[in-house]
């Protein structure tokens, strides 16, 4: 799988924003991207909790 550079990915994020975007809009996009990548890495490494475990921990039932 080809690795995309951070600079290329940042350009793609900027290019997909509307012309009237703010710095906050860009920071939000970066934050969302980082969160997704971290979640995928956690999943790949097995650092996840099943829905059943969460429900049991918090006393939630279907």
PDB file of N, CA and C in Angstrom:
ATOM      1  N   UNK A   1       0.838  -1.184   0.000  1.00  0.00           N
ATOM      2  CA  UNK A   1       0.000   0.000   0.000  1.00  0.00           C
ATOM      3  C   UNK A   1       0.881   1.246   0.000  1.00  0.00           C
ATOM      4  N   UNK A   2       0.580   2.189  -0.859  1.00  0.00           N
ATOM      5  CA  UNK A   2       1.370   3.408  -0.994  1.00  0.00           C
ATOM      6  C   UNK A   2       1.088   4.361   0.164  1.00  0.00           C
ATOM      7  N   UNK A   3       2.154   4.907   0.740  1.00  0.00           N
ATOM      8  CA  UNK A   3       2.012   5.869   1.814  1.00  0.00           C
ATOM      9  C   UNK A   3       1.940   7.273   1.225  1.00  0.00           C
ATOM     10  N   UNK A   4       0.922   8.018   1.624  1.00  0.00           N
ATOM     11  CA  UNK A   4       0.749   9.386   1.157  1.00  0.00           C
ATOM     12  C   UNK A   4       1.436  10.310   2.160  1.00  0.00           C
ATOM     13  N   UNK A   5       2.226  11.265   1.655  1.00  0.00           N
ATOM     14  CA  UNK A   5       2.926  12.172   2.556  1.00  0.00           C
ATOM     15  C   UNK A   5       1.935  13.104   3.255  1.00  0.00           C
ATOM     16  N   UNK A   6       2.335  13.569   4.415  1.00  0.00           N
ATOM     17  CA  UNK A   6       1.508  14.502   5.181  1.00  0.00           C
ATOM     18  C   UNK A   6       1.244  15.766   4.364  1.00  0.00           C
ATOM     19  N   UNK A   7       2.259  16.250   3.656  1.00  0.00           N
ATOM     20  CA  UNK A   7       2.087  17.458   2.855  1.00  0.00           C
ATOM     21  C   UNK A   7       1.047  17.242   1.752  1.00  0.00           C
ATOM     22  N   UNK A   8       1.105  16.092   1.092  1.00  0.00           N
ATOM     23  CA  UNK A   8       0.128  15.806   0.042  1.00  0.00           C
ATOM     24  C   UNK A   8      -1.279  15.699   0.622  1.00  0.00           C
ATOM     25  N   UNK A   9      -1.389  15.058   1.775  1.00  0.00           N
ATOM     26  CA  UNK A   9      -2.702  14.910   2.409  1.00  0.00           C
ATOM     27  C   UNK A   9      -3.228  16.269   2.873  1.00  0.00           C
ATOM     28  N   UNK A  10      -2.346  17.127   3.396  1.00  0.00           N
ATOM     29  CA  UNK A  10      -2.762  18.462   3.821  1.00  0.00           C
ATOM     30  C   UNK A  10      -3.265  19.267   2.621  1.00  0.00           C
ATOM     31  N   UNK A  11      -2.586  19.149   1.511  1.00  0.00           N
ATOM     32  CA  UNK A  11      -3.035  19.842   0.290  1.00  0.00           C
ATOM     33  C   UNK A  11      -4.416  19.348  -0.128  1.00  0.00           C
ATOM     34  N   UNK A  12      -4.614  18.052  -0.046  1.00  0.00           N
ATOM     35  CA  UNK A  12      -5.923  17.484  -0.415  1.00  0.00           C
ATOM     36  C   UNK A  12      -7.015  18.021   0.504  1.00  0.00           C
ATOM     37  N   UNK A  13      -6.728  18.078   1.811  1.00  0.00           N
ATOM     38  CA  UNK A  13      -7.712  18.615   2.752  1.00  0.00           C
ATOM     39  C   UNK A  13      -8.044  20.070   2.437  1.00  0.00           C
ATOM     40  N   UNK A  14      -7.012  20.869   2.168  1.00  0.00           N
ATOM     41  CA  UNK A  14      -7.224  22.283   1.847  1.00  0.00           C
ATOM     42  C   UNK A  14      -8.024  22.418   0.549  1.00  0.00           C
ATOM     43  N   UNK A  15      -7.676  21.635  -0.446  1.00  0.00           N
ATOM     44  CA  UNK A  15      -8.351  21.719  -1.742  1.00  0.00           C
ATOM     45  C   UNK A  15      -9.832  21.357  -1.665  1.00  0.00           C
ATOM     46  N   UNK A  16     -10.203  20.496  -0.733  1.00  0.00           N
ATOM     47  CA  UNK A  16     -11.611  20.079  -0.660  1.00  0.00           C
ATOM     48  C   UNK A  16     -12.472  21.037   0.164  1.00  0.00           C
ATOM     49  N   UNK A  17     -11.847  21.981   0.853  1.00  0.00           N
ATOM     50  CA  UNK A  17     -12.606  22.956   1.631  1.00  0.00           C
ATOM     51  C   UNK A  17     -13.249  23.988   0.706  1.00  0.00           C
ATOM     52  N   UNK A  18     -14.418  24.503   1.091  1.00  0.00           N
ATOM     53  CA  UNK A  18     -15.017  25.588   0.306  1.00  0.00           C
ATOM     54  C   UNK A  18     -14.136  26.840   0.336  1.00  0.00           C
ATOM     55  N   UNK A  19     -14.281  27.692  -0.642  1.00  0.00           N
ATOM     56  CA  UNK A  19     -13.454  28.893  -0.755  1.00  0.00           C
ATOM     57  C   UNK A  19     -13.588  29.829   0.451  1.00  0.00           C
ATOM     58  N   UNK A  20     -14.743  29.833   1.098  1.00  0.00           N
ATOM     59  CA  UNK A  20     -14.956  30.741   2.229  1.00  0.00           C
ATOM     60  C   UNK A  20     -14.625  30.102   3.580  1.00  0.00           C
ATOM     61  N   UNK A  21     -13.828  29.048   3.577  1.00  0.00           N
ATOM     62  CA  UNK A  21     -13.468  28.346   4.810  1.00  0.00           C
ATOM     63  C   UNK A  21     -12.584  29.209   5.704  1.00  0.00           C
ATOM     64  N   UNK A  22     -12.664  28.911   6.994  1.00  0.00           N
ATOM     65  CA  UNK A  22     -11.857  29.626   7.977  1.00  0.00           C
ATOM     66  C   UNK A  22     -10.724  28.716   8.451  1.00  0.00           C
ATOM     67  N   UNK A  23      -9.798  29.304   9.230  1.00  0.00           N
ATOM     68  CA  UNK A  23      -8.748  28.498   9.844  1.00  0.00           C
ATOM     69  C   UNK A  23      -9.369  27.445  10.747  1.00  0.00           C
ATOM     70  N   UNK A  24     -10.451  27.804  11.433  1.00  0.00           N
ATOM     71  CA  UNK A  24     -11.128  26.829  12.297  1.00  0.00           C
ATOM     72  C   UNK A  24     -11.657  25.644  11.499  1.00  0.00           C
ATOM     73  N   UNK A  25     -12.179  25.912  10.314  1.00  0.00           N
ATOM     74  CA  UNK A  25     -12.649  24.822   9.453  1.00  0.00           C
ATOM     75  C   UNK A  25     -11.507  23.871   9.109  1.00  0.00           C
ATOM     76  N   UNK A  26     -10.363  24.442   8.754  1.00  0.00           N
ATOM     77  CA  UNK A  26      -9.205  23.618   8.418  1.00  0.00           C
ATOM     78  C   UNK A  26      -8.732  22.822   9.633  1.00  0.00           C
ATOM     79  N   UNK A  27      -8.660  23.476  10.786  1.00  0.00           N
ATOM     80  CA  UNK A  27      -8.225  22.778  12.003  1.00  0.00           C
ATOM     81  C   UNK A  27      -9.183  21.645  12.358  1.00  0.00           C
ATOM     82  N   UNK A  28     -10.474  21.860  12.135  1.00  0.00           N
ATOM     83  CA  UNK A  28     -11.457  20.807  12.397  1.00  0.00           C
ATOM     84  C   UNK A  28     -11.216  19.609  11.481  1.00  0.00           C
ATOM     85  N   UNK A  29     -10.989  19.869  10.207  1.00  0.00           N
ATOM     86  CA  UNK A  29     -10.721  18.783   9.263  1.00  0.00           C
ATOM     87  C   UNK A  29      -9.485  17.991   9.664  1.00  0.00           C
ATOM     88  N   UNK A  30      -8.442  18.691  10.079  1.00  0.00           N
ATOM     89  CA  UNK A  30      -7.214  18.017  10.514  1.00  0.00           C
ATOM     90  C   UNK A  30      -7.482  17.187  11.760  1.00  0.00           C
ATOM     91  N   UNK A  31      -8.216  17.755  12.719  1.00  0.00           N
ATOM     92  CA  UNK A  31      -8.541  17.033  13.951  1.00  0.00           C
ATOM     93  C   UNK A  31      -9.334  15.759  13.650  1.00  0.00           C
ATOM     94  N   UNK A  32     -10.330  15.876  12.785  1.00  0.00           N
ATOM     95  CA  UNK A  32     -11.145  14.708  12.433  1.00  0.00           C
ATOM     96  C   UNK A  32     -10.275  13.641  11.784  1.00  0.00           C
ATOM     97  N   UNK A  33      -9.416  14.052  10.866  1.00  0.00           N
ATOM     98  CA  UNK A  33      -8.534  13.102  10.182  1.00  0.00           C
ATOM     99  C   UNK A  33      -7.618  12.388  11.173  1.00  0.00           C
ATOM    100  N   UNK A  34      -7.018  13.156  12.109  1.00  0.00           N
ATOM    101  CA  UNK A  34      -6.147  12.559  13.126  1.00  0.00           C
ATOM    102  C   UNK A  34      -6.914  11.574  13.992  1.00  0.00           C
ATOM    103  N   UNK A  35      -8.121  11.933  14.374  1.00  0.00           N
ATOM    104  CA  UNK A  35      -8.935  11.054  15.227  1.00  0.00           C
ATOM    105  C   UNK A  35      -9.254   9.742  14.521  1.00  0.00           C
ATOM    106  N   UNK A  36      -9.594   9.839  13.257  1.00  0.00           N
ATOM    107  CA  UNK A  36      -9.904   8.636  12.486  1.00  0.00           C
ATOM    108  C   UNK A  36      -8.665   7.751  12.357  1.00  0.00           C
ATOM    109  N   UNK A  37      -7.526   8.364  12.027  1.00  0.00           N
ATOM    110  CA  UNK A  37      -6.296   7.582  11.877  1.00  0.00           C
ATOM    111  C   UNK A  37      -5.904   6.913  13.194  1.00  0.00           C
ATOM    112  N   UNK A  38      -6.065   7.620  14.311  1.00  0.00           N
ATOM    113  CA  UNK A  38      -5.751   7.035  15.620  1.00  0.00           C
ATOM    114  C   UNK A  38      -6.694   5.866  15.917  1.00  0.00           C
ATOM    115  N   UNK A  39      -7.963   6.031  15.627  1.00  0.00           N
ATOM    116  CA  UNK A  39      -8.929   4.961  15.847  1.00  0.00           C
ATOM    117  C   UNK A  39      -8.631   3.736  15.005  1.00  0.00           C
ATOM    118  N   UNK A  40      -8.261   3.950  13.751  1.00  0.00           N
ATOM    119  CA  UNK A  40      -7.907   2.824  12.888  1.00  0.00           C
ATOM    120  C   UNK A  40      -6.660   2.111  13.393  1.00  0.00           C
ATOM    121  N   UNK A  41      -5.670   2.889  13.864  1.00  0.00           N
ATOM    122  CA  UNK A  41      -4.454   2.284  14.412  1.00  0.00           C
ATOM    123  C   UNK A  41      -4.773   1.478  15.668  1.00  0.00           C
ATOM    124  N   UNK A  42      -5.637   2.018  16.528  1.00  0.00           N
ATOM    125  CA  UNK A  42      -6.045   1.275  17.731  1.00  0.00           C
ATOM    126  C   UNK A  42      -6.753  -0.022  17.353  1.00  0.00           C
ATOM    127  N   UNK A  43      -7.614   0.049  16.354  1.00  0.00           N
ATOM    128  CA  UNK A  43      -8.327  -1.144  15.909  1.00  0.00           C
ATOM    129  C   UNK A  43      -7.364  -2.184  15.354  1.00  0.00           C
ATOM    130  N   UNK A  44      -6.429  -1.742  14.524  1.00  0.00           N
ATOM    131  CA  UNK A  44      -5.438  -2.658  13.956  1.00  0.00           C
ATOM    132  C   UNK A  44      -4.589  -3.320  15.040  1.00  0.00           C
ATOM    133  N   UNK A  45      -4.332  -2.589  16.126  1.00  0.00           N
ATOM    134  CA  UNK A  45      -3.499  -3.110  17.215  1.00  0.00           C
ATOM    135  C   UNK A  45      -4.312  -3.879  18.253  1.00  0.00           C
ATOM    136  N   UNK A  46      -5.624  -3.994  18.027  1.00  0.00           N
ATOM    137  CA  UNK A  46      -6.461  -4.740  18.958  1.00  0.00           C
ATOM    138  C   UNK A  46      -6.817  -3.973  20.221  1.00  0.00           C
ATOM    139  N   UNK A  47      -6.656  -2.663  20.216  1.00  0.00           N
ATOM    140  CA  UNK A  47      -6.978  -1.838  21.377  1.00  0.00           C
ATOM    141  C   UNK A  47      -8.405  -1.308  21.268  1.00  0.00           C
ATOM    142  N   UNK A  48      -9.347  -2.226  21.256  1.00  0.00           N
ATOM    143  CA  UNK A  48     -10.752  -1.856  21.150  1.00  0.00           C
ATOM    144  C   UNK A  48     -11.558  -2.584  22.215  1.00  0.00           C
ATOM    145  N   UNK A  49     -12.761  -2.126  22.431  1.00  0.00           N
ATOM    146  CA  UNK A  49     -13.679  -2.745  23.374  1.00  0.00           C
ATOM    147  C   UNK A  49     -14.954  -3.084  22.617  1.00  0.00           C
ATOM    148  N   UNK A  50     -15.447  -4.281  22.811  1.00  0.00           N
ATOM    149  CA  UNK A  50     -16.650  -4.683  22.096  1.00  0.00           C
ATOM    150  C   UNK A  50     -17.871  -3.946  22.651  1.00  0.00           C
ATOM    151  N   UNK A  51     -18.899  -3.852  21.826  1.00  0.00           N
ATOM    152  CA  UNK A  51     -20.144  -3.211  22.240  1.00  0.00           C
ATOM    153  C   UNK A  51     -20.717  -3.932  23.451  1.00  0.00           C
ATOM    154  N   UNK A  52     -20.622  -5.236  23.448  1.00  0.00           N
ATOM    155  CA  UNK A  52     -21.148  -6.017  24.567  1.00  0.00           C
ATOM    156  C   UNK A  52     -20.446  -5.659  25.878  1.00  0.00           C
ATOM    157  N   UNK A  53     -19.121  -5.496  25.831  1.00  0.00           N
ATOM    158  CA  UNK A  53     -18.363  -5.123  27.032  1.00  0.00           C
ATOM    159  C   UNK A  53     -18.761  -3.733  27.531  1.00  0.00           C
ATOM    160  N   UNK A  54     -18.948  -2.807  26.623  1.00  0.00           N
ATOM    161  CA  UNK A  54     -19.344  -1.450  27.015  1.00  0.00           C
ATOM    162  C   UNK A  54     -20.732  -1.467  27.636  1.00  0.00           C
ATOM    163  N   UNK A  55     -21.646  -2.189  27.020  1.00  0.00           N
ATOM    164  CA  UNK A  55     -23.005  -2.282  27.575  1.00  0.00           C
ATOM    165  C   UNK A  55     -22.990  -2.875  28.971  1.00  0.00           C
ATOM    166  N   UNK A  56     -22.200  -3.928  29.162  1.00  0.00           N
ATOM    167  CA  UNK A  56     -22.120  -4.558  30.473  1.00  0.00           C
ATOM    168  C   UNK A  56     -21.512  -3.599  31.494  1.00  0.00           C
ATOM    169  N   UNK A  57     -20.457  -2.915  31.109  1.00  0.00           N
ATOM    170  CA  UNK A  57     -19.781  -1.989  32.020  1.00  0.00           C
ATOM    171  C   UNK A  57     -20.721  -0.893  32.501  1.00  0.00           C
ATOM    172  N   UNK A  58     -21.569  -0.396  31.619  1.00  0.00           N
ATOM    173  CA  UNK A  58     -22.458   0.725  31.956  1.00  0.00           C
ATOM    174  C   UNK A  58     -23.887   0.282  32.268  1.00  0.00           C
ATOM    175  N   UNK A  59     -24.106  -1.024  32.346  1.00  0.00           N
ATOM    176  CA  UNK A  59     -25.423  -1.529  32.689  1.00  0.00           C
ATOM    177  C   UNK A  59     -26.479  -1.247  31.651  1.00  0.00           C
ATOM    178  N   UNK A  60     -26.081  -1.242  30.395  1.00  0.00           N
ATOM    179  CA  UNK A  60     -27.013  -0.983  29.302  1.00  0.00           C
ATOM    180  C   UNK A  60     -27.491  -2.298  28.702  1.00  0.00           C
ATOM    181  N   UNK A  61     -28.743  -2.340  28.370  1.00  0.00           N
ATOM    182  CA  UNK A  61     -29.312  -3.564  27.783  1.00  0.00           C
ATOM    183  C   UNK A  61     -29.959  -3.199  26.457  1.00  0.00           C
ATOM    184  N   UNK A  62     -30.031  -4.175  25.574  1.00  0.00           N
ATOM    185  CA  UNK A  62     -30.663  -3.958  24.262  1.00  0.00           C
ATOM    186  C   UNK A  62     -32.112  -3.622  24.400  1.00  0.00           C
TER     187      UNK A  62
END
